[in-house]
Protein backbone atom coordinates (compact mmCIF):
# COMPACT_ATOMS: atom_id res chain seq x y z
CA MET A 1 -20.64 -74.77 -79.86
CA GLY A 2 -21.65 -74.09 -76.10
CA ASN A 3 -21.49 -74.89 -72.26
CA VAL A 4 -23.65 -75.20 -69.63
CA HIS A 5 -23.51 -73.36 -66.83
CA THR A 6 -24.79 -74.20 -62.84
CA ALA A 7 -26.34 -72.08 -59.96
CA GLY A 8 -25.81 -73.48 -56.50
CA PRO A 9 -28.59 -73.57 -54.16
CA SER A 10 -27.58 -69.72 -53.07
CA GLU A 11 -27.00 -68.68 -56.45
CA ALA A 12 -29.02 -67.02 -59.24
CA LEU A 13 -27.74 -67.35 -63.28
CA VAL A 14 -28.72 -64.37 -65.50
CA VAL A 15 -28.55 -65.89 -69.15
CA SER A 16 -29.01 -62.75 -72.30
CA GLY A 17 -28.44 -63.30 -75.80
CA GLY A 18 -28.75 -66.48 -77.99
CA CYS A 19 -28.77 -66.96 -81.68
CA GLY A 20 -32.12 -66.29 -82.10
CA ALA A 21 -33.19 -62.80 -83.46
CA GLN A 22 -35.91 -63.08 -80.38
CA ASP A 23 -33.37 -64.29 -77.72
CA SER A 24 -31.01 -61.52 -78.36
CA ASP A 25 -32.52 -58.77 -75.81
CA LYS A 26 -34.29 -61.13 -73.37
CA LYS A 27 -32.44 -62.24 -70.16
CA ARG A 28 -33.29 -65.52 -68.42
CA TYR A 29 -33.00 -65.77 -64.66
CA ILE A 30 -32.22 -68.69 -62.95
CA SER A 31 -32.63 -69.76 -59.13
CA GLY A 32 -30.03 -72.56 -58.06
CA GLY A 33 -30.51 -74.81 -61.59
CA TYR A 34 -28.71 -74.52 -64.84
CA ALA A 35 -28.49 -73.17 -68.59
CA TRP A 36 -26.97 -73.97 -72.40
CA ALA A 37 -24.95 -70.55 -73.44
CA TRP A 38 -23.56 -70.46 -76.80
CA CYS A 39 -20.52 -69.27 -76.93
CA CYS A 40 -19.44 -65.54 -78.05
CA VAL A 41 -23.62 -65.03 -78.30
CA THR A 42 -24.72 -65.47 -74.87
CA ASP A 43 -23.65 -63.92 -71.96
CA VAL A 44 -23.70 -65.54 -68.20
CA GLN A 45 -23.57 -63.63 -65.26
CA LYS A 46 -23.97 -64.90 -61.84
CA ILE A 47 -25.65 -63.24 -58.39
CA SER A 48 -25.03 -64.48 -55.18
CA LEU A 49 -28.57 -65.52 -52.96
CA ALA A 50 -26.34 -66.33 -49.91
CA ILE A 51 -27.24 -64.87 -46.67
CA MET A 52 -25.13 -61.71 -45.89
CA SER A 53 -24.19 -60.58 -42.22
CA LEU A 54 -23.65 -56.91 -42.11
CA THR A 55 -22.54 -54.78 -39.21
CA PRO A 56 -23.70 -51.46 -39.78
CA ARG A 57 -22.31 -49.16 -36.94
CA CYS A 58 -23.03 -45.38 -36.48
CA GLU A 59 -20.86 -43.28 -33.70
CA MET A 60 -21.79 -40.16 -31.74
CA VAL A 61 -25.09 -39.82 -32.90
CA GLU A 62 -27.09 -37.58 -30.73
CA THR A 63 -30.66 -38.88 -28.96
CA ALA A 64 -33.42 -36.38 -28.25
CA GLU A 65 -31.93 -35.31 -25.38
CA GLY A 66 -28.47 -34.24 -26.72
CA VAL A 67 -26.51 -37.14 -25.58
CA PRO A 68 -24.09 -38.32 -28.07
CA LEU A 69 -24.33 -42.69 -28.70
CA THR A 70 -22.25 -45.22 -30.44
CA VAL A 71 -24.87 -47.61 -31.58
CA THR A 72 -23.62 -51.18 -33.47
CA GLY A 73 -25.72 -53.30 -34.88
CA ILE A 74 -25.75 -56.99 -36.67
CA ALA A 75 -28.18 -57.52 -39.80
CA GLN A 76 -28.83 -60.39 -41.58
CA CYS A 77 -29.93 -59.76 -45.23
CA LYS A 78 -29.92 -61.46 -48.61
CA VAL A 79 -30.88 -61.02 -52.21
CA MET A 80 -34.53 -62.09 -52.62
CA ALA A 81 -34.70 -65.14 -54.97
CA GLU A 82 -38.62 -64.42 -55.67
CA TYR A 83 -39.07 -64.08 -59.76
CA ASP A 84 -40.24 -60.96 -59.85
CA LEU A 85 -38.08 -59.99 -57.16
CA LEU A 86 -35.07 -61.23 -58.24
CA VAL A 87 -35.01 -59.46 -61.54
CA MET A 88 -35.44 -56.20 -59.71
CA ALA A 89 -32.20 -57.16 -58.10
CA CYS A 90 -30.52 -58.09 -60.97
CA GLU A 91 -31.54 -54.78 -62.76
CA GLN A 92 -29.71 -52.99 -59.81
CA LEU A 93 -27.29 -55.09 -58.52
CA LEU A 94 -26.11 -57.76 -61.38
CA GLY A 95 -22.10 -57.31 -61.58
CA LYS A 96 -21.03 -56.09 -58.18
CA THR A 97 -19.39 -57.63 -55.72
CA LYS A 98 -21.29 -59.65 -52.56
CA GLU A 99 -19.01 -57.00 -50.68
CA GLU A 100 -20.17 -54.00 -52.77
CA ILE A 101 -23.98 -55.50 -52.35
CA GLY A 102 -22.95 -55.28 -48.39
CA TYR A 103 -21.70 -51.79 -48.66
CA LEU A 104 -24.81 -50.49 -49.86
CA VAL A 105 -27.16 -52.09 -47.75
CA ILE A 106 -25.01 -51.09 -44.69
CA GLN A 107 -25.36 -47.56 -45.89
CA THR A 108 -28.88 -47.85 -45.32
CA LEU A 109 -29.14 -49.06 -42.71
CA GLU A 110 -26.34 -46.77 -40.55
CA GLY A 111 -28.60 -43.69 -42.44
CA HIS A 112 -32.34 -45.09 -40.73
CA LEU A 113 -30.08 -45.39 -37.41
CA ARG A 114 -29.12 -42.31 -37.22
CA SER A 115 -32.66 -41.13 -38.26
CA ILE A 116 -34.02 -43.22 -35.69
CA LEU A 117 -32.01 -42.23 -32.36
CA GLY A 118 -32.52 -39.05 -32.92
CA THR A 119 -36.02 -39.34 -31.71
CA LEU A 120 -35.76 -41.89 -28.92
CA THR A 121 -34.27 -40.64 -25.44
CA VAL A 122 -31.36 -42.71 -24.15
CA GLU A 123 -33.19 -44.91 -22.07
CA ALA A 124 -35.43 -45.98 -24.35
CA VAL A 125 -32.51 -47.00 -26.94
CA PHE A 126 -30.43 -48.84 -23.45
CA GLN A 127 -34.05 -50.61 -22.15
CA ASP A 128 -35.63 -51.76 -24.72
CA ARG A 129 -33.21 -52.32 -27.60
CA ASP A 130 -35.32 -55.12 -29.22
CA GLN A 131 -38.20 -52.44 -29.61
CA PHE A 132 -35.04 -50.26 -31.36
CA ALA A 133 -34.27 -52.79 -33.14
CA LYS A 134 -37.40 -53.60 -34.90
CA LEU A 135 -38.21 -49.98 -35.49
CA VAL A 136 -34.91 -49.73 -37.63
CA ARG A 137 -36.07 -52.98 -39.18
CA GLU A 138 -39.20 -51.80 -40.22
CA VAL A 139 -38.33 -48.41 -41.20
CA ALA A 140 -35.38 -49.57 -43.54
CA ALA A 141 -36.92 -53.23 -44.74
CA PRO A 142 -38.87 -50.80 -47.85
CA ASP A 143 -35.89 -48.80 -48.71
CA VAL A 144 -33.35 -51.86 -49.35
CA GLY A 145 -36.68 -54.14 -50.67
CA LYS A 146 -36.77 -51.75 -53.54
CA ILE A 147 -33.31 -52.67 -54.60
CA GLY A 148 -34.46 -56.53 -53.90
CA ILE A 149 -32.50 -57.51 -50.58
CA GLU A 150 -35.09 -58.73 -47.84
CA ILE A 151 -33.59 -58.09 -44.35
CA LEU A 152 -33.87 -61.42 -42.06
CA SER A 153 -33.17 -59.81 -38.51
CA PHE A 154 -31.76 -56.95 -37.19
CA THR A 155 -30.54 -56.58 -33.63
CA ILE A 156 -28.46 -54.07 -31.50
CA LYS A 157 -25.29 -55.47 -30.53
CA ASP A 158 -24.11 -52.72 -28.95
CA VAL A 159 -24.57 -48.76 -27.30
CA PHE A 160 -22.42 -47.06 -25.19
CA ASP A 161 -21.33 -43.48 -24.94
CA ASN A 162 -18.04 -41.42 -23.93
CA VAL A 163 -19.63 -39.00 -21.54
CA ASP A 164 -20.70 -41.65 -18.85
CA TYR A 165 -24.31 -41.46 -19.28
CA LEU A 166 -25.27 -44.82 -19.38
CA ASP A 167 -22.83 -46.04 -16.91
CA SER A 168 -24.78 -42.98 -14.22
CA LEU A 169 -27.75 -44.68 -15.34
CA GLY A 170 -26.73 -47.54 -14.54
CA ARG A 171 -25.78 -46.90 -11.32
CA ALA A 172 -28.82 -44.87 -10.83
CA GLN A 173 -31.00 -47.73 -11.90
CA THR A 174 -28.69 -49.83 -9.30
CA ALA A 175 -29.05 -47.63 -6.35
CA ASN A 176 -33.26 -47.11 -6.93
CA VAL A 177 -33.15 -50.93 -7.09
CA LYS A 178 -30.62 -51.45 -3.59
CA ARG A 179 -33.25 -48.45 -2.43
CA ASN A 180 -36.50 -50.44 -2.93
CA ALA A 181 -34.81 -54.08 -1.65
CA ALA A 182 -34.27 -52.03 1.63
CA ILE A 183 -37.43 -49.99 1.90
CA SER A 184 -39.34 -53.31 1.35
CA VAL A 185 -37.31 -55.55 3.94
CA ALA A 186 -37.55 -52.10 6.72
CA GLU A 187 -41.41 -52.73 5.63
CA ALA A 188 -41.49 -56.59 5.83
CA GLU A 189 -40.23 -56.79 9.47
CA ARG A 190 -41.99 -53.88 10.70
CA ASP A 191 -44.82 -55.53 9.42
CA SER A 192 -43.23 -58.46 11.06
CA GLY A 193 -43.01 -56.98 14.41
CA ILE A 194 -46.22 -55.11 14.43
CA ARG A 195 -47.98 -59.05 13.99
CA GLN A 196 -45.78 -60.15 16.47
CA SER A 197 -46.89 -57.15 19.10
CA GLU A 198 -50.91 -58.38 18.37
CA CYS A 199 -50.01 -62.03 18.82
CA ASP A 200 -48.12 -61.35 22.37
CA LYS A 201 -50.92 -58.85 23.11
CA GLU A 202 -53.40 -61.33 22.19
CA ARG A 203 -51.50 -64.27 24.45
CA LEU A 204 -51.82 -61.92 27.92
CA ASP A 205 -55.00 -60.78 27.39
CA ALA A 206 -56.09 -64.45 27.01
CA ARG A 207 -53.93 -65.23 30.15
CA PHE A 208 -55.22 -62.48 32.29
CA ARG A 209 -58.90 -62.40 31.00
CA PRO A 210 -61.13 -63.35 33.98
CA THR A 211 -62.55 -66.39 34.40
CA ARG A 212 -66.53 -66.60 35.42
């Protein structure tokens, strides 16, 4: 006797064992389908293919300038469903819960976050988060790919420090903007005044120009 086992659209079945000698050591990988399993002689396990939303976080990591930053990211990851990659993922992750798989991915992402933060300035992290996130994703993707995980997206959610460096940087930038705006207004008023003086002079010259 046996049973039919089904896998939803976000699951994969791993079926091993069978009645025949040739099936005893053979595994079948079925994504979003069904499989027949013999009682007692066939083992059926499932692995989730659902998207995992992860939040890697690195606290007080020093940048290239020695400023400690705390960075939080958001990553969307999943087990890859392509057959060869699914086989690789199952070899590494089968039997682990979704939470355990997510923990492994978070550890990898946090490790790369730390190493990359140590090579960047605060300004580079703060002013171009998209580029920072892209760099982390590109560096981390091959490592998580070795266990059959794909990084669908990675963004930087938050960056802050406990030494008010970012606040000081923001105030300096605001002051520069205000100063530049004031200079622009002053230059515009100066140019307008010069132009007005030229127009007044032209009118006076035309008024008192002797006629022939």
